[in-house]
Amino acid sequence: MKRFGNVWYKILAVGIVLVILNKVLDNLSGFYGVFGKLIRLIRPFLVGGLLAFILYKPSHYLEEKLQAQKNSTVQKFARGLGIGVVYLGLFGILLLSVKVVWPAIYQNTEQLILELPYYYTRAIGLLEEYHIVTEGELLHRLKTTLETVFSMESMSRYFGYLSGFASSVVGIFTGIVVSVYMLLEREGLISVLKRMIRLIVKESRQNLVISYFTKAGNLFYSYFAGLGLDAVCIGLISVPFFYFFGVPYAFLFGAIIGICNLIPFFGPIFAAVLIFILSFLSVGPVKALWILVFQIILGQLDSHIIQPKIISHSVGITPFWVVFAVLVFGELWGVLGMIIGVPLVAVARFLMVELEEAKAGDIKKAM
């Protein structure tokens, strides 16, 4: 009878979930509105949590080093000093970027925009010469595109994006303050999370679930830390090469390669095609081909040598699942989905393997 009653409880639970899901689907716009308000409300805490997650390891490393010092005052304030040094380093990098890197990229972008009419004329000449498309057809397509881009509906949407961006900037600064408090009080926050897990999960599985969260967090951290460092390295390697071939937008091209390198598989391909076209128009076909060859070689070196060295361990998924993750999550969440899709699929695979091993262990014990 007890087992029969448990079955009915499960059926009731499934029925309740289906009713709630049906109501959500019927009022999807309202659900998104409420969800959007909730996200805006907790945005500083999401930003703060992400920043604290990124800066935890370096701040913890410095804290341990300071606690090992003989000076009792340094030991007492080791955590605050470690966090302070990490944030000073972060702001120093940002300041260096704003003072050195950003002006060069801005100058390259401004130069490219000013020279676009020349490139347009040259591209039209090449397209007409090889009978690919006429200027009239291209102008008609361009006019249709511009009418869509600058329509009243699109402009109102852009103003909404601008307002959201301004709100996000405020949220980021608030999130920085929140992240400091999160790092200072991390034991208490971790303790709360563990208590929540203990309320939901059976006692026999609590330590296992906590270990899953820890391993998944480490996977995310190592993947994104390595990916970010790899993107910076690839961008810095590319800039001198572009200067060598006389490309007038070396810093801009280096930034494009670095940013696109954050998107697995499709990002480097998009960067290579875009840079080849702009190089073809600015420095000619021969140099453009050499630049394309350089990007192909650099891509192979990055995939087989640089990334394995920087990212300490592979995410453990095959190329098919990389493409699957980029396409599916890119469709769901845009560029952000393309970036976070691979580690999400890697975490799902890791959990499946762990659960299979745990289940196999339970079967062996029962036998």
Protein backbone atom coordinates (compact mmCIF):
# COMPACT_ATOMS: atom_id res chain seq x y z
CA MET A 1 0.00 0.00 0.00
CA LYS A 2 2.83 2.37 0.86
CA ARG A 3 4.45 1.81 -2.54
CA PHE A 4 1.04 2.32 -4.24
CA GLY A 5 0.64 5.62 -2.37
CA ASN A 6 4.11 6.78 -3.47
CA VAL A 7 3.15 6.18 -7.10
CA TRP A 8 0.08 8.38 -6.69
CA TYR A 9 2.20 11.14 -5.17
CA LYS A 10 4.51 11.01 -8.18
CA ILE A 11 1.55 11.14 -10.60
CA LEU A 12 0.13 14.10 -8.68
CA ALA A 13 3.50 15.90 -8.80
CA VAL A 14 3.78 15.36 -12.58
CA GLY A 15 0.21 16.62 -13.04
CA ILE A 16 0.94 19.79 -11.07
CA VAL A 17 4.09 20.44 -13.13
CA LEU A 18 2.15 19.97 -16.40
CA VAL A 19 -0.60 22.37 -15.26
CA ILE A 20 1.99 25.01 -14.31
CA LEU A 21 3.81 24.52 -17.63
CA ASN A 22 0.54 24.89 -19.53
CA LYS A 23 -0.24 28.16 -17.70
CA VAL A 24 3.25 29.47 -18.39
CA LEU A 25 2.96 28.69 -22.13
CA ASP A 26 -0.47 30.34 -22.29
CA ASN A 27 0.93 33.51 -20.72
CA LEU A 28 4.42 33.43 -22.17
CA SER A 29 4.75 37.20 -22.69
CA GLY A 30 3.66 37.87 -19.12
CA PHE A 31 6.07 35.21 -17.86
CA TYR A 32 8.95 36.83 -19.76
CA GLY A 33 7.94 40.22 -18.34
CA VAL A 34 8.01 38.94 -14.76
CA PHE A 35 11.23 37.01 -15.41
CA GLY A 36 12.83 40.13 -16.93
CA LYS A 37 11.87 42.23 -13.88
CA LEU A 38 13.32 39.57 -11.59
CA ILE A 39 16.59 39.52 -13.55
CA ARG A 40 16.82 43.34 -13.43
CA LEU A 41 16.17 43.25 -9.70
CA ILE A 42 18.92 40.75 -8.93
CA ARG A 43 21.33 41.89 -11.70
CA PRO A 44 23.87 43.45 -9.28
CA PHE A 45 24.01 40.15 -7.38
CA LEU A 46 24.41 38.15 -10.61
CA VAL A 47 27.22 40.47 -11.78
CA GLY A 48 28.78 40.43 -8.31
CA GLY A 49 28.57 36.64 -8.11
CA LEU A 50 30.18 36.24 -11.55
CA LEU A 51 32.99 38.67 -10.71
CA ALA A 52 33.55 37.02 -7.31
CA PHE A 53 33.65 33.62 -9.04
CA ILE A 54 36.30 34.89 -11.51
CA LEU A 55 38.46 36.58 -8.86
CA TYR A 56 38.12 33.94 -6.14
CA LYS A 57 41.17 31.85 -7.04
CA PRO A 58 43.72 34.69 -7.38
CA SER A 59 42.45 36.39 -4.21
CA HIS A 60 42.49 33.07 -2.31
CA TYR A 61 46.04 32.37 -3.54
CA LEU A 62 47.26 35.77 -2.31
CA GLU A 63 45.44 35.31 0.99
CA GLU A 64 47.27 32.02 1.61
CA LYS A 65 50.62 33.63 0.75
CA LEU A 66 49.96 36.55 3.12
CA GLN A 67 48.82 34.25 5.93
CA ALA A 68 52.14 32.43 5.63
CA GLN A 69 53.98 35.64 6.53
CA LYS A 70 55.40 36.06 10.05
CA ASN A 71 53.88 39.51 10.55
CA SER A 72 50.72 39.11 12.67
CA THR A 73 49.10 42.27 11.25
CA VAL A 74 49.51 40.97 7.70
CA GLN A 75 48.05 37.61 8.74
CA LYS A 76 45.07 39.33 10.38
CA PHE A 77 44.19 41.35 7.27
CA ALA A 78 45.35 38.75 4.73
CA ARG A 79 41.94 38.35 3.11
CA GLY A 80 41.27 42.07 2.70
CA LEU A 81 44.79 42.69 1.42
CA GLY A 82 44.56 39.82 -1.07
CA ILE A 83 41.21 41.06 -2.42
CA GLY A 84 42.54 44.64 -2.57
CA VAL A 85 45.62 43.61 -4.56
CA VAL A 86 43.52 41.60 -7.03
CA TYR A 87 41.10 44.49 -7.62
CA LEU A 88 43.96 46.97 -8.00
CA GLY A 89 45.50 44.64 -10.58
CA LEU A 90 42.16 44.36 -12.40
CA PHE A 91 41.68 48.14 -12.48
CA GLY A 92 45.31 48.53 -13.61
CA ILE A 93 44.69 46.21 -16.58
CA LEU A 94 41.49 48.07 -17.47
CA LEU A 95 43.28 51.44 -17.21
CA LEU A 96 46.12 50.20 -19.42
CA SER A 97 43.58 48.96 -21.97
CA VAL A 98 41.75 52.30 -21.97
CA LYS A 99 44.97 54.32 -22.25
CA VAL A 100 46.92 52.19 -24.74
CA VAL A 101 44.87 49.53 -26.54
CA TRP A 102 41.48 51.25 -26.92
CA PRO A 103 42.84 54.46 -28.60
CA ALA A 104 44.66 52.34 -31.21
CA ILE A 105 41.53 50.26 -31.91
CA TYR A 106 39.38 53.43 -32.03
CA GLN A 107 41.81 55.09 -34.47
CA ASN A 108 41.79 52.00 -36.72
CA THR A 109 37.97 51.86 -36.64
CA GLU A 110 37.67 55.57 -37.48
CA GLN A 111 40.12 55.16 -40.37
CA LEU A 112 38.17 52.17 -41.70
CA ILE A 113 34.86 54.06 -41.58
CA LEU A 114 36.38 57.03 -43.44
CA GLU A 115 37.74 54.73 -46.15
CA LEU A 116 34.57 52.66 -46.57
CA PRO A 117 33.38 54.68 -49.64
CA TYR A 118 36.66 53.82 -51.41
CA TYR A 119 36.31 50.14 -50.51
CA TYR A 120 32.68 50.21 -51.61
CA THR A 121 33.64 51.57 -55.04
CA ARG A 122 36.42 49.03 -55.39
CA ALA A 123 34.21 46.13 -54.34
CA ILE A 124 31.48 47.18 -56.79
CA GLY A 125 34.06 47.32 -59.59
CA LEU A 126 35.27 43.80 -58.83
CA LEU A 127 31.75 42.39 -58.55
CA GLU A 128 30.70 43.94 -61.87
CA GLU A 129 33.94 42.88 -63.57
CA TYR A 130 33.31 39.23 -62.69
CA HIS A 131 29.52 39.56 -63.37
CA ILE A 132 28.60 38.61 -59.80
CA VAL A 133 26.22 41.50 -59.17
CA THR A 134 25.60 44.96 -60.63
CA GLU A 135 25.72 48.23 -58.71
CA GLY A 136 21.96 48.69 -59.24
CA GLU A 137 21.15 45.31 -57.69
CA LEU A 138 23.50 45.95 -54.78
CA LEU A 139 22.04 49.41 -54.15
CA HIS A 140 18.52 47.95 -54.16
CA ARG A 141 19.54 45.33 -51.57
CA LEU A 142 21.36 47.98 -49.54
CA LYS A 143 18.31 50.26 -49.63
CA THR A 144 16.04 47.43 -48.43
CA THR A 145 18.46 46.61 -45.62
CA LEU A 146 18.78 50.26 -44.52
CA GLU A 147 14.99 50.71 -44.54
CA THR A 148 14.73 47.77 -42.16
CA VAL A 149 17.62 48.89 -39.97
CA PHE A 150 16.40 52.50 -39.64
CA SER A 151 12.67 51.86 -39.46
CA MET A 152 10.68 53.42 -36.58
CA GLU A 153 10.23 50.01 -35.02
CA SER A 154 13.97 49.34 -35.16
CA MET A 155 14.84 52.80 -33.79
CA SER A 156 12.53 52.34 -30.80
CA ARG A 157 14.20 48.98 -30.19
CA TYR A 158 17.64 50.62 -30.34
CA PHE A 159 16.60 53.21 -27.77
CA GLY A 160 15.43 50.36 -25.57
CA TYR A 161 18.84 48.69 -25.96
CA LEU A 162 20.56 52.00 -25.09
CA SER A 163 18.43 52.40 -21.98
CA GLY A 164 19.16 48.81 -21.01
CA PHE A 165 22.89 49.41 -21.57
CA ALA A 166 22.87 52.45 -19.28
CA SER A 167 21.06 50.42 -16.65
CA SER A 168 23.58 47.60 -17.09
CA VAL A 169 26.50 49.98 -16.52
CA VAL A 170 24.98 51.04 -13.18
CA GLY A 171 24.37 47.37 -12.36
CA ILE A 172 28.01 46.52 -13.15
CA PHE A 173 29.38 49.17 -10.78
CA THR A 174 26.97 48.01 -8.07
CA GLY A 175 27.98 44.42 -8.83
CA ILE A 176 31.66 45.28 -8.24
CA VAL A 177 30.80 46.44 -4.71
CA VAL A 178 28.67 43.32 -4.15
CA SER A 179 31.52 41.08 -5.38
CA VAL A 180 33.89 42.52 -2.76
CA TYR A 181 31.46 41.63 0.03
CA MET A 182 30.93 38.18 -1.49
CA LEU A 183 34.66 37.50 -1.44
CA LEU A 184 34.99 38.79 2.11
CA GLU A 185 32.10 36.65 3.36
CA ARG A 186 32.51 33.65 1.07
CA GLU A 187 32.46 31.00 3.82
CA GLY A 188 29.07 32.20 5.02
CA LEU A 189 27.63 32.21 1.47
CA ILE A 190 29.02 28.74 0.74
CA SER A 191 27.54 27.54 4.05
CA VAL A 192 24.09 28.85 3.00
CA LEU A 193 24.34 27.02 -0.34
CA LYS A 194 25.31 23.79 1.42
CA ARG A 195 22.33 24.15 3.78
CA MET A 196 20.00 24.60 0.80
CA ILE A 197 21.41 21.42 -0.75
CA ARG A 198 20.90 19.53 2.53
CA LEU A 199 17.26 20.66 2.63
CA ILE A 200 16.59 19.35 -0.87
CA VAL A 201 18.87 16.31 -1.24
CA LYS A 202 18.86 13.08 0.76
CA GLU A 203 21.56 12.81 3.41
CA SER A 204 23.26 9.91 1.65
CA ARG A 205 23.67 12.01 -1.52
CA GLN A 206 24.55 15.41 -0.04
CA ASN A 207 28.34 15.13 -0.21
CA LEU A 208 28.10 13.71 -3.73
CA VAL A 209 25.95 16.63 -4.97
CA ILE A 210 28.28 19.17 -3.33
CA SER A 211 31.27 17.52 -5.04
CA TYR A 212 29.39 17.71 -8.39
CA PHE A 213 28.84 21.44 -7.95
CA THR A 214 32.51 21.93 -7.00
CA LYS A 215 33.79 20.00 -10.02
CA ALA A 216 31.36 21.76 -12.40
CA GLY A 217 32.46 25.14 -11.02
CA ASN A 218 36.13 24.22 -11.50
CA LEU A 219 35.40 23.13 -15.08
CA PHE A 220 33.69 26.46 -15.88
CA TYR A 221 36.48 28.43 -14.22
CA SER A 222 39.38 26.66 -15.94
CA TYR A 223 37.61 26.76 -19.32
CA PHE A 224 36.80 30.49 -19.31
CA ALA A 225 40.08 31.57 -17.69
CA GLY A 226 42.00 29.59 -20.30
CA LEU A 227 39.76 30.76 -23.15
CA GLY A 228 40.14 34.43 -22.18
CA LEU A 229 43.94 34.16 -21.88
CA ASP A 230 44.08 32.29 -25.19
CA ALA A 231 42.03 35.02 -26.93
CA VAL A 232 44.43 37.72 -25.62
CA CYS A 233 47.48 35.72 -26.75
CA ILE A 234 46.09 35.10 -30.24
CA GLY A 235 45.17 38.79 -30.63
CA LEU A 236 48.66 39.93 -29.50
CA ILE A 237 50.41 37.44 -31.80
CA SER A 238 48.36 38.65 -34.79
CA VAL A 239 49.00 42.41 -34.44
CA PRO A 240 52.75 42.38 -35.36
CA PHE A 241 52.04 40.13 -38.35
CA PHE A 242 49.44 42.58 -39.69
CA TYR A 243 51.90 45.45 -39.21
CA PHE A 244 54.53 43.46 -41.14
CA PHE A 245 52.20 43.19 -44.15
CA GLY A 246 51.29 46.87 -43.97
CA VAL A 247 47.64 46.36 -42.97
CA PRO A 248 46.33 49.78 -41.84
CA TYR A 249 44.01 48.26 -39.20
CA ALA A 250 46.42 45.99 -37.30
CA PHE A 251 45.03 46.65 -33.80
CA LEU A 252 41.42 46.41 -34.97
CA PHE A 253 42.09 43.11 -36.75
CA GLY A 254 43.92 41.77 -33.69
CA ALA A 255 40.91 42.69 -31.50
CA ILE A 256 38.52 41.02 -33.98
CA ILE A 257 40.56 37.80 -33.95
CA GLY A 258 40.78 37.80 -30.14
CA ILE A 259 37.05 38.40 -29.61
CA CYS A 260 35.97 35.89 -32.27
CA ASN A 261 38.31 33.32 -30.75
CA LEU A 262 35.97 33.21 -27.73
CA ILE A 263 33.39 31.49 -29.96
CA PRO A 264 34.54 27.92 -30.68
CA PHE A 265 34.75 26.68 -34.28
CA PHE A 266 32.68 29.40 -36.02
CA GLY A 267 34.36 32.45 -34.42
CA PRO A 268 37.82 32.00 -36.02
CA ILE A 269 36.23 31.17 -39.39
CA PHE A 270 34.14 34.37 -39.32
CA ALA A 271 37.21 36.42 -38.32
CA ALA A 272 39.32 34.88 -41.10
CA VAL A 273 36.71 35.61 -43.80
CA LEU A 274 36.07 39.19 -42.60
CA ILE A 275 39.77 40.05 -42.31
CA PHE A 276 40.52 38.45 -45.71
CA ILE A 277 37.88 40.63 -47.41
CA LEU A 278 39.07 43.84 -45.75
CA SER A 279 42.73 42.95 -46.42
CA PHE A 280 41.90 42.18 -50.07
CA LEU A 281 40.41 45.65 -50.47
CA SER A 282 43.07 47.51 -48.49
CA VAL A 283 46.43 45.84 -49.31
CA GLY A 284 45.64 43.73 -52.38
CA PRO A 285 44.99 40.05 -53.18
CA VAL A 286 48.55 38.73 -52.71
CA LYS A 287 49.02 40.07 -49.19
CA ALA A 288 45.42 39.12 -48.35
CA LEU A 289 46.17 35.51 -49.30
CA TRP A 290 49.29 35.51 -47.09
CA ILE A 291 47.20 36.91 -44.23
CA LEU A 292 44.60 34.16 -44.78
CA VAL A 293 47.36 31.50 -44.76
CA PHE A 294 48.72 33.02 -41.54
CA GLN A 295 45.28 32.82 -39.89
CA ILE A 296 44.84 29.19 -40.95
CA ILE A 297 48.28 28.24 -39.59
CA LEU A 298 47.70 30.23 -36.38
CA GLY A 299 44.32 28.53 -35.96
CA GLN A 300 45.94 25.09 -36.23
CA LEU A 301 48.71 26.04 -33.79
CA ASP A 302 46.11 27.42 -31.40
CA SER A 303 43.95 24.29 -31.57
CA HIS A 304 46.80 21.78 -31.16
CA ILE A 305 49.46 23.60 -29.11
CA ILE A 306 48.42 26.93 -27.52
CA GLN A 307 44.97 26.01 -26.20
CA PRO A 308 46.04 22.64 -24.71
CA LYS A 309 48.92 24.43 -22.92
CA ILE A 310 46.78 27.30 -21.57
CA ILE A 311 43.62 25.31 -20.77
CA SER A 312 44.96 22.76 -18.31
CA HIS A 313 42.51 20.01 -19.26
CA SER A 314 40.15 19.37 -22.13
CA VAL A 315 36.42 19.84 -21.66
CA GLY A 316 36.12 16.24 -22.81
CA ILE A 317 33.63 16.59 -25.68
CA THR A 318 34.08 15.73 -29.35
CA PRO A 319 33.99 18.30 -32.22
CA PHE A 320 30.40 17.25 -33.04
CA TRP A 321 29.21 18.29 -29.57
CA VAL A 322 31.18 21.55 -29.84
CA VAL A 323 29.31 22.40 -33.05
CA PHE A 324 26.04 21.23 -31.48
CA ALA A 325 26.60 23.43 -28.41
CA VAL A 326 27.49 26.53 -30.46
CA LEU A 327 24.52 26.17 -32.84
CA VAL A 328 21.85 25.25 -30.28
CA PHE A 329 22.81 27.68 -27.53
CA GLY A 330 23.61 30.35 -30.12
CA GLU A 331 20.04 30.05 -31.39
CA LEU A 332 18.70 30.27 -27.82
CA TRP A 333 20.86 33.08 -26.38
CA GLY A 334 22.75 34.62 -29.31
CA VAL A 335 26.49 35.33 -28.99
CA LEU A 336 26.41 34.67 -25.22
CA GLY A 337 24.98 31.20 -25.92
CA MET A 338 27.79 30.50 -28.40
CA ILE A 339 30.35 31.32 -25.70
CA ILE A 340 28.83 29.41 -22.77
CA GLY A 341 27.33 26.52 -24.78
CA VAL A 342 30.48 24.36 -24.82
CA PRO A 343 31.08 24.34 -21.03
CA LEU A 344 27.36 23.74 -20.42
CA VAL A 345 27.42 20.65 -22.65
CA ALA A 346 30.72 19.59 -21.01
CA VAL A 347 29.14 19.88 -17.55
CA ALA A 348 26.10 17.87 -18.73
CA ARG A 349 28.42 15.16 -20.04
CA PHE A 350 30.43 15.17 -16.82
CA LEU A 351 27.27 14.79 -14.72
CA MET A 352 26.00 11.93 -16.90
CA VAL A 353 29.32 10.07 -16.54
CA GLU A 354 29.39 10.66 -12.76
CA LEU A 355 25.79 9.52 -12.33
CA GLU A 356 26.39 6.41 -14.43
CA GLU A 357 29.44 5.53 -12.32
CA ALA A 358 27.51 6.17 -9.09
CA LYS A 359 24.63 3.98 -10.33
CA ALA A 360 27.04 1.21 -11.34
CA GLY A 361 28.61 1.40 -7.88
CA ASP A 362 25.17 1.09 -6.22
CA ILE A 363 24.39 -1.98 -8.36
CA LYS A 364 27.70 -3.63 -7.35
CA LYS A 365 26.97 -2.97 -3.67
CA ALA A 366 23.48 -4.47 -4.02
CA MET A 367 24.97 -7.60 -5.59
